[in-house]
Amino acid sequence: MKKVFVSGGSGYIALYCIKILLSKGYYVVTSARNKSKINLVRESLSKQDLNTNNIEFHILDLLDDRGWDNALKGCEYVLHMASPVIFEKHDKDLLVKPAVQGMVRCLNSAIKNGAKRFVQTSSFAAVYGNNKTEYDDNDWTDLSYKGLLPYEISKTKSEKKMWEIANKSNIEACAINPVLVIGPSLSGIISTSNILSIKRLFNLPFIPKISISVVGVQDVADAHIRAMESPNSVGKRFLLSEKTISLSEISSLLNKSGFSDVPSYILPNFILKFAAFFIPSLRLIAKRLGKEEILHTNNANNILNWHPNSVNIEIINTAKQLYEMGLLKK
């Protein structure tokens, strides 16, 4: 039975990856920050009718060397998914330091233990940080670009460091770069991406004319496993996106699914731009007006045979989960 190490096993995407791995007969070794996170993973997987006999846990810290070498012993594959996720302005060190140092610890332990393949969960944030609107697998966020958020810096620096180390070793490496990931959580803990998209949409009194690129969480997990198993994924980055969708389309989709409390009034661009002069929180939205991203997911489509078609139902199911948790009204 082949062993796979998954860092940050209680994470949003990580739990879906573990679900797939267990169902495919892999033995999973995963890390958590504390015992309560371990219990959360066990309970979440048990609800999926999965046998948790083939999973073991280690308490690891992204900023501490202890335990990493022992945890990765005998693992043929490594999925490094643990990284802090805070999209808005924050102390840079709270994101960049653990993101980079945690990846280095995981990768160095993978190399030391002779792991075959290292798959890093990176992000579209390591791709889009410049003035372009059209992107593919080869684009990188420009770290000299003014106005980058700490999250964008953390994901870019972490992935760049991964390639730097991997290219000097014998380990096979690849990176997964998803856009905004949508879908219900297996653990019941709502992901930052779902809070920023679905939950926040319900809090708006109007809909700005902006679009966001989205992808379903189960499709993202599936891409991780495909990249782990494919002999052709080595040395590749995989930009993941199903489509770019306007907030008004999301609102309409949810409204047709019974969520009448979602806003429907589309605010004209000129009003929002004017308001942004006086309301700082609207400035990021104003910058996106009139811009629609064009994304080319060539590597995922051609190398992994990855063709997602789930994001609409993931949007609806996310809203249903938020409603069941009392976080949304119908």
Protein backbone atom coordinates (compact mmCIF):
# COMPACT_ATOMS: atom_id res chain seq x y z
CA MET A 1 0.00 0.00 0.00
CA LYS A 2 1.53 3.30 -1.12
CA LYS A 3 1.88 6.03 1.49
CA VAL A 4 0.95 9.65 0.84
CA PHE A 5 1.75 12.52 3.19
CA VAL A 6 -0.78 15.38 3.23
CA SER A 7 0.20 18.43 5.27
CA GLY A 8 -2.59 20.36 6.96
CA GLY A 9 -5.12 17.52 6.84
CA SER A 10 -7.96 19.53 8.40
CA GLY A 11 -7.78 22.09 5.59
CA TYR A 12 -10.64 22.77 3.18
CA ILE A 13 -9.09 21.22 0.05
CA ALA A 14 -6.89 18.77 1.98
CA LEU A 15 -9.88 16.90 3.43
CA TYR A 16 -11.28 16.31 -0.05
CA CYS A 17 -7.86 15.06 -1.18
CA ILE A 18 -7.69 12.66 1.76
CA LYS A 19 -11.19 11.42 0.93
CA ILE A 20 -10.10 10.58 -2.63
CA LEU A 21 -6.82 8.99 -1.50
CA LEU A 22 -8.52 6.70 1.03
CA SER A 23 -11.17 5.68 -1.49
CA LYS A 24 -8.39 4.78 -3.95
CA GLY A 25 -6.62 2.56 -1.43
CA TYR A 26 -3.70 4.76 -0.42
CA TYR A 27 -2.36 4.87 3.13
CA VAL A 28 -2.51 8.51 4.27
CA VAL A 29 -0.21 10.24 6.72
CA THR A 30 -1.36 13.72 7.60
CA SER A 31 -0.43 16.57 9.89
CA ALA A 32 -2.43 18.85 12.14
CA ARG A 33 -1.60 21.74 14.45
CA ASN A 34 -3.15 20.12 17.53
CA LYS A 35 -5.21 17.19 18.80
CA SER A 36 -8.54 18.95 18.24
CA LYS A 37 -7.73 19.21 14.52
CA ILE A 38 -6.99 15.49 14.44
CA ASN A 39 -10.39 14.76 15.98
CA LEU A 40 -11.99 17.07 13.43
CA VAL A 41 -10.43 15.13 10.54
CA ARG A 42 -11.50 11.76 11.97
CA GLU A 43 -15.07 12.92 12.53
CA SER A 44 -15.31 14.54 9.08
CA LEU A 45 -14.05 11.41 7.30
CA SER A 46 -16.26 9.10 9.35
CA LYS A 47 -19.31 11.06 8.15
CA GLN A 48 -18.21 10.19 4.58
CA ASP A 49 -18.39 6.45 5.42
CA LEU A 50 -14.63 6.13 4.96
CA ASN A 51 -12.44 3.62 6.74
CA THR A 52 -10.03 5.66 8.84
CA ASN A 53 -7.82 2.69 9.71
CA ASN A 54 -5.52 3.64 6.83
CA ILE A 55 -4.68 7.09 8.13
CA GLU A 56 -2.21 8.24 10.76
CA PHE A 57 -1.69 11.66 12.31
CA HIS A 58 1.25 13.77 13.37
CA ILE A 59 1.14 17.12 15.17
CA LEU A 60 3.47 19.44 13.23
CA ASP A 61 4.17 23.16 13.16
CA LEU A 62 5.12 25.03 9.99
CA LEU A 63 7.64 27.03 12.06
CA ASP A 64 9.19 24.10 13.94
CA ASP A 65 11.58 21.42 12.62
CA ARG A 66 10.44 18.78 15.09
CA GLY A 67 8.60 15.76 13.74
CA TRP A 68 8.71 16.40 10.00
CA ASP A 69 11.36 13.80 9.11
CA ASN A 70 9.60 11.13 11.15
CA ALA A 71 6.17 11.95 9.70
CA LEU A 72 7.32 11.67 6.07
CA LYS A 73 9.24 8.41 6.56
CA GLY A 74 8.26 5.90 3.87
CA CYS A 75 5.95 8.30 2.00
CA GLU A 76 6.21 7.98 -1.78
CA TYR A 77 4.07 11.03 -2.47
CA VAL A 78 3.79 14.35 -0.64
CA LEU A 79 0.94 16.83 -0.98
CA HIS A 80 1.98 20.04 0.74
CA MET A 81 -1.25 21.92 1.41
CA ALA A 82 -0.73 23.57 4.79
CA SER A 83 -0.38 27.35 4.53
CA PRO A 84 -2.08 30.31 6.22
CA VAL A 85 -4.96 31.83 4.23
CA ILE A 86 -5.81 35.48 4.85
CA PHE A 87 -6.75 37.41 1.71
CA GLU A 88 -7.11 40.90 3.13
CA LYS A 89 -4.46 43.26 4.47
CA HIS A 90 -2.58 41.75 7.39
CA ASP A 91 0.84 41.59 8.99
CA LYS A 92 3.04 40.18 6.23
CA ASP A 93 5.11 38.01 8.60
CA LEU A 94 1.99 36.15 9.77
CA LEU A 95 1.57 34.76 6.24
CA VAL A 96 4.90 34.87 4.43
CA LYS A 97 7.09 33.34 7.14
CA PRO A 98 5.02 30.19 7.83
CA ALA A 99 4.14 29.76 4.13
CA VAL A 100 7.76 29.75 2.99
CA GLN A 101 9.39 28.09 6.00
CA GLY A 102 6.67 25.44 6.27
CA MET A 103 7.09 24.52 2.62
CA VAL A 104 10.87 24.31 3.03
CA ARG A 105 10.52 22.00 6.03
CA CYS A 106 8.08 19.74 4.20
CA LEU A 107 10.09 19.63 0.97
CA ASN A 108 13.44 19.04 2.67
CA SER A 109 11.92 16.18 4.68
CA ALA A 110 10.43 14.73 1.50
CA ILE A 111 13.86 14.84 -0.19
CA LYS A 112 15.60 13.39 2.87
CA ASN A 113 13.12 10.49 3.00
CA GLY A 114 13.41 9.75 -0.71
CA ALA A 115 9.87 10.70 -1.70
CA LYS A 116 9.16 10.37 -5.40
CA ARG A 117 6.71 13.25 -6.00
CA PHE A 118 6.05 16.59 -4.28
CA VAL A 119 2.83 18.43 -5.13
CA GLN A 120 2.48 21.94 -3.75
CA THR A 121 -0.86 23.68 -3.35
CA SER A 122 0.02 27.11 -4.65
CA SER A 123 -2.55 29.63 -5.88
CA PHE A 124 -3.71 31.88 -8.69
CA ALA A 125 -2.33 34.55 -6.33
CA ALA A 126 1.14 33.44 -7.49
CA VAL A 127 0.06 34.06 -11.09
CA TYR A 128 -2.05 37.22 -11.38
CA GLY A 129 -0.20 39.93 -9.46
CA ASN A 130 0.47 42.36 -12.29
CA ASN A 131 -1.47 44.48 -14.75
CA LYS A 132 -2.60 41.74 -17.15
CA THR A 133 -6.09 40.33 -17.62
CA GLU A 134 -5.13 37.19 -19.57
CA TYR A 135 -3.14 34.42 -17.90
CA ASP A 136 -1.85 30.90 -18.39
CA ASP A 137 0.32 28.37 -16.55
CA ASN A 138 3.51 30.30 -17.29
CA ASP A 139 2.54 33.61 -15.69
CA TRP A 140 3.98 34.73 -12.36
CA THR A 141 3.05 37.43 -9.90
CA ASP A 142 5.61 40.22 -10.07
CA LEU A 143 6.85 40.70 -6.51
CA SER A 144 8.01 44.23 -7.36
CA TYR A 145 4.44 45.21 -8.27
CA LYS A 146 3.08 47.81 -5.83
CA GLY A 147 0.03 47.06 -3.76
CA LEU A 148 0.42 43.29 -3.43
CA LEU A 149 -1.37 41.77 -0.46
CA PRO A 150 0.61 39.63 2.02
CA TYR A 151 -1.29 36.52 0.84
CA GLU A 152 -0.15 37.12 -2.76
CA ILE A 153 3.42 37.61 -1.60
CA SER A 154 3.31 34.47 0.59
CA LYS A 155 2.03 32.17 -2.17
CA THR A 156 4.46 33.55 -4.75
CA LYS A 157 7.52 33.37 -2.53
CA SER A 158 6.61 29.90 -1.30
CA GLU A 159 6.17 28.47 -4.78
CA LYS A 160 9.30 30.13 -6.14
CA LYS A 161 11.28 28.68 -3.24
CA MET A 162 9.81 25.25 -3.92
CA TRP A 163 11.02 25.31 -7.53
CA GLU A 164 14.43 26.59 -6.45
CA ILE A 165 14.95 23.65 -4.07
CA ALA A 166 13.27 20.98 -6.21
CA ASN A 167 15.33 21.86 -9.30
CA LYS A 168 18.53 21.18 -7.33
CA SER A 169 17.35 17.74 -6.15
CA ASN A 170 16.09 14.45 -7.60
CA ILE A 171 12.52 14.87 -6.40
CA GLU A 172 9.71 15.23 -8.95
CA ALA A 173 7.70 18.38 -8.29
CA CYS A 174 4.64 20.23 -9.57
CA ALA A 175 2.37 23.03 -8.38
CA ILE A 176 -1.40 23.47 -8.32
CA ASN A 177 -2.64 27.06 -8.79
CA PRO A 178 -6.42 27.29 -8.27
CA VAL A 179 -8.50 30.44 -8.54
CA LEU A 180 -11.21 31.13 -5.92
CA VAL A 181 -12.34 27.70 -4.71
CA ILE A 182 -16.06 27.19 -4.09
CA GLY A 183 -17.96 24.34 -2.46
CA PRO A 184 -19.22 23.12 0.91
CA SER A 185 -16.75 22.15 3.59
CA LEU A 186 -16.45 18.51 4.71
CA SER A 187 -15.53 19.65 8.22
CA GLY A 188 -18.29 22.23 8.63
CA ILE A 189 -15.70 24.98 9.03
CA ILE A 190 -16.43 27.49 6.29
CA SER A 191 -13.47 28.30 4.07
CA THR A 192 -12.19 31.83 3.60
CA SER A 193 -12.99 31.65 -0.13
CA ASN A 194 -16.66 30.82 0.53
CA ILE A 195 -16.91 33.60 3.10
CA LEU A 196 -15.39 36.09 0.65
CA SER A 197 -17.71 35.08 -2.18
CA ILE A 198 -21.06 33.54 -1.27
CA LYS A 199 -21.54 34.83 2.29
CA ARG A 200 -20.29 38.33 1.50
CA LEU A 201 -22.59 38.55 -1.55
CA PHE A 202 -25.61 38.23 0.75
CA ASN A 203 -24.33 41.13 2.85
CA LEU A 204 -24.18 43.54 -0.08
CA PRO A 205 -27.09 45.97 -0.64
CA PHE A 206 -26.30 45.92 -4.38
CA ILE A 207 -24.32 43.98 -6.96
CA PRO A 208 -21.23 45.62 -8.47
CA LYS A 209 -20.52 44.82 -12.13
CA ILE A 210 -17.52 42.62 -11.47
CA SER A 211 -16.62 39.04 -12.31
CA ILE A 212 -14.60 36.45 -10.43
CA SER A 213 -12.85 33.30 -11.62
CA VAL A 214 -14.05 30.23 -9.74
CA VAL A 215 -13.52 26.48 -9.53
CA GLY A 216 -15.21 23.71 -7.53
CA VAL A 217 -13.41 22.28 -4.51
CA GLN A 218 -13.91 18.65 -5.54
CA ASP A 219 -12.43 19.39 -8.96
CA VAL A 220 -9.42 21.02 -7.28
CA ALA A 221 -8.88 17.94 -5.08
CA ASP A 222 -9.21 15.71 -8.14
CA ALA A 223 -6.54 17.76 -9.95
CA HIS A 224 -4.15 17.27 -7.02
CA ILE A 225 -4.46 13.49 -7.21
CA ARG A 226 -4.16 13.49 -11.00
CA ALA A 227 -0.98 15.58 -10.74
CA MET A 228 0.36 13.25 -8.06
CA GLU A 229 -0.19 10.16 -10.21
CA SER A 230 0.57 11.45 -13.72
CA PRO A 231 4.06 10.74 -15.07
CA ASN A 232 3.73 13.86 -17.23
CA SER A 233 3.07 16.42 -14.47
CA VAL A 234 6.70 16.73 -13.37
CA GLY A 235 8.04 20.27 -13.55
CA LYS A 236 4.62 21.72 -14.41
CA ARG A 237 2.34 24.34 -12.93
CA PHE A 238 -1.41 23.78 -13.18
CA LEU A 239 -3.63 26.85 -13.27
CA LEU A 240 -7.12 25.69 -12.28
CA SER A 241 -10.31 27.54 -13.20
CA GLU A 242 -13.69 26.43 -14.49
CA LYS A 243 -15.01 29.82 -15.54
CA THR A 244 -15.15 33.53 -14.88
CA ILE A 245 -18.62 34.45 -13.63
CA SER A 246 -20.22 37.79 -12.78
CA LEU A 247 -21.65 38.44 -9.34
CA SER A 248 -25.02 39.08 -10.97
CA GLU A 249 -24.91 35.56 -12.50
CA ILE A 250 -24.15 34.08 -9.09
CA SER A 251 -26.99 36.08 -7.58
CA SER A 252 -29.40 34.88 -10.28
CA LEU A 253 -28.30 31.26 -9.81
CA LEU A 254 -28.89 31.45 -6.07
CA ASN A 255 -32.20 33.26 -6.48
CA LYS A 256 -33.48 30.49 -8.76
CA SER A 257 -32.42 27.99 -6.09
CA GLY A 258 -34.66 29.59 -3.46
CA PHE A 259 -32.33 32.20 -1.95
CA SER A 260 -34.51 35.28 -2.41
CA ASP A 261 -32.51 37.29 0.13
CA VAL A 262 -29.58 37.65 -2.27
CA PRO A 263 -29.24 41.21 -3.72
CA SER A 264 -30.53 41.83 -7.22
CA TYR A 265 -29.95 45.55 -7.88
CA ILE A 266 -26.91 46.11 -10.12
CA LEU A 267 -25.15 49.34 -9.19
CA PRO A 268 -24.00 51.44 -12.18
CA ASN A 269 -20.23 51.69 -12.46
CA PHE A 270 -20.07 55.46 -12.23
CA ILE A 271 -21.90 55.49 -8.89
CA LEU A 272 -19.57 52.88 -7.37
CA LYS A 273 -16.46 54.67 -8.65
CA PHE A 274 -17.70 57.94 -7.16
CA ALA A 275 -18.51 56.27 -3.83
CA ALA A 276 -15.04 54.67 -3.75
CA PHE A 277 -13.50 58.15 -3.36
CA PHE A 278 -15.17 58.38 0.06
CA ILE A 279 -15.42 54.71 1.12
CA PRO A 280 -12.00 52.97 1.17
CA SER A 281 -13.54 49.46 1.34
CA LEU A 282 -15.03 49.98 -2.13
CA ARG A 283 -11.72 50.83 -3.81
CA LEU A 284 -10.66 47.24 -4.48
CA ILE A 285 -14.06 46.55 -6.03
CA ALA A 286 -13.84 49.72 -8.13
CA LYS A 287 -10.49 48.58 -9.55
CA ARG A 288 -12.11 45.43 -10.94
CA LEU A 289 -14.95 47.19 -12.75
CA GLY A 290 -14.90 46.53 -16.47
CA LYS A 291 -12.16 43.91 -16.17
CA GLU A 292 -12.79 40.27 -16.99
CA GLU A 293 -10.03 37.71 -16.64
CA ILE A 294 -9.27 35.31 -19.46
CA LEU A 295 -7.62 32.19 -18.11
CA HIS A 296 -6.02 29.36 -20.07
CA THR A 297 -5.81 26.08 -18.13
CA ASN A 298 -3.82 24.27 -20.82
CA ASN A 299 -1.66 22.07 -18.59
CA ALA A 300 -4.59 20.82 -16.53
CA ASN A 301 -6.69 20.13 -19.62
CA ASN A 302 -3.99 18.55 -21.77
CA ILE A 303 -1.72 16.80 -19.25
CA LEU A 304 -4.19 15.83 -16.52
CA ASN A 305 -7.26 15.44 -18.76
CA TRP A 306 -8.99 17.71 -16.25
CA HIS A 307 -12.28 19.25 -17.45
CA PRO A 308 -14.32 20.70 -14.55
CA ASN A 309 -18.07 21.17 -14.74
CA SER A 310 -19.26 21.46 -11.16
CA VAL A 311 -18.97 25.04 -9.99
CA ASN A 312 -22.66 25.98 -10.37
CA ILE A 313 -23.78 23.17 -8.09
CA GLU A 314 -20.88 23.93 -5.72
CA ILE A 315 -22.13 27.53 -5.43
CA ILE A 316 -25.64 26.32 -4.60
CA ASN A 317 -24.41 23.67 -2.15
CA THR A 318 -22.21 26.23 -0.40
CA ALA A 319 -25.20 28.50 0.11
CA LYS A 320 -27.22 25.54 1.43
CA GLN A 321 -24.49 24.68 3.94
CA LEU A 322 -24.27 28.31 5.07
CA TYR A 323 -28.07 28.37 5.46
CA GLU A 324 -28.07 25.13 7.48
CA MET A 325 -25.43 26.64 9.76
CA GLY A 326 -27.59 29.72 10.30
CA LEU A 327 -25.17 32.01 8.46
CA LEU A 328 -27.52 32.87 5.58
CA LYS A 329 -31.19 33.71 5.20
CA LYS A 330 -33.42 32.51 2.41
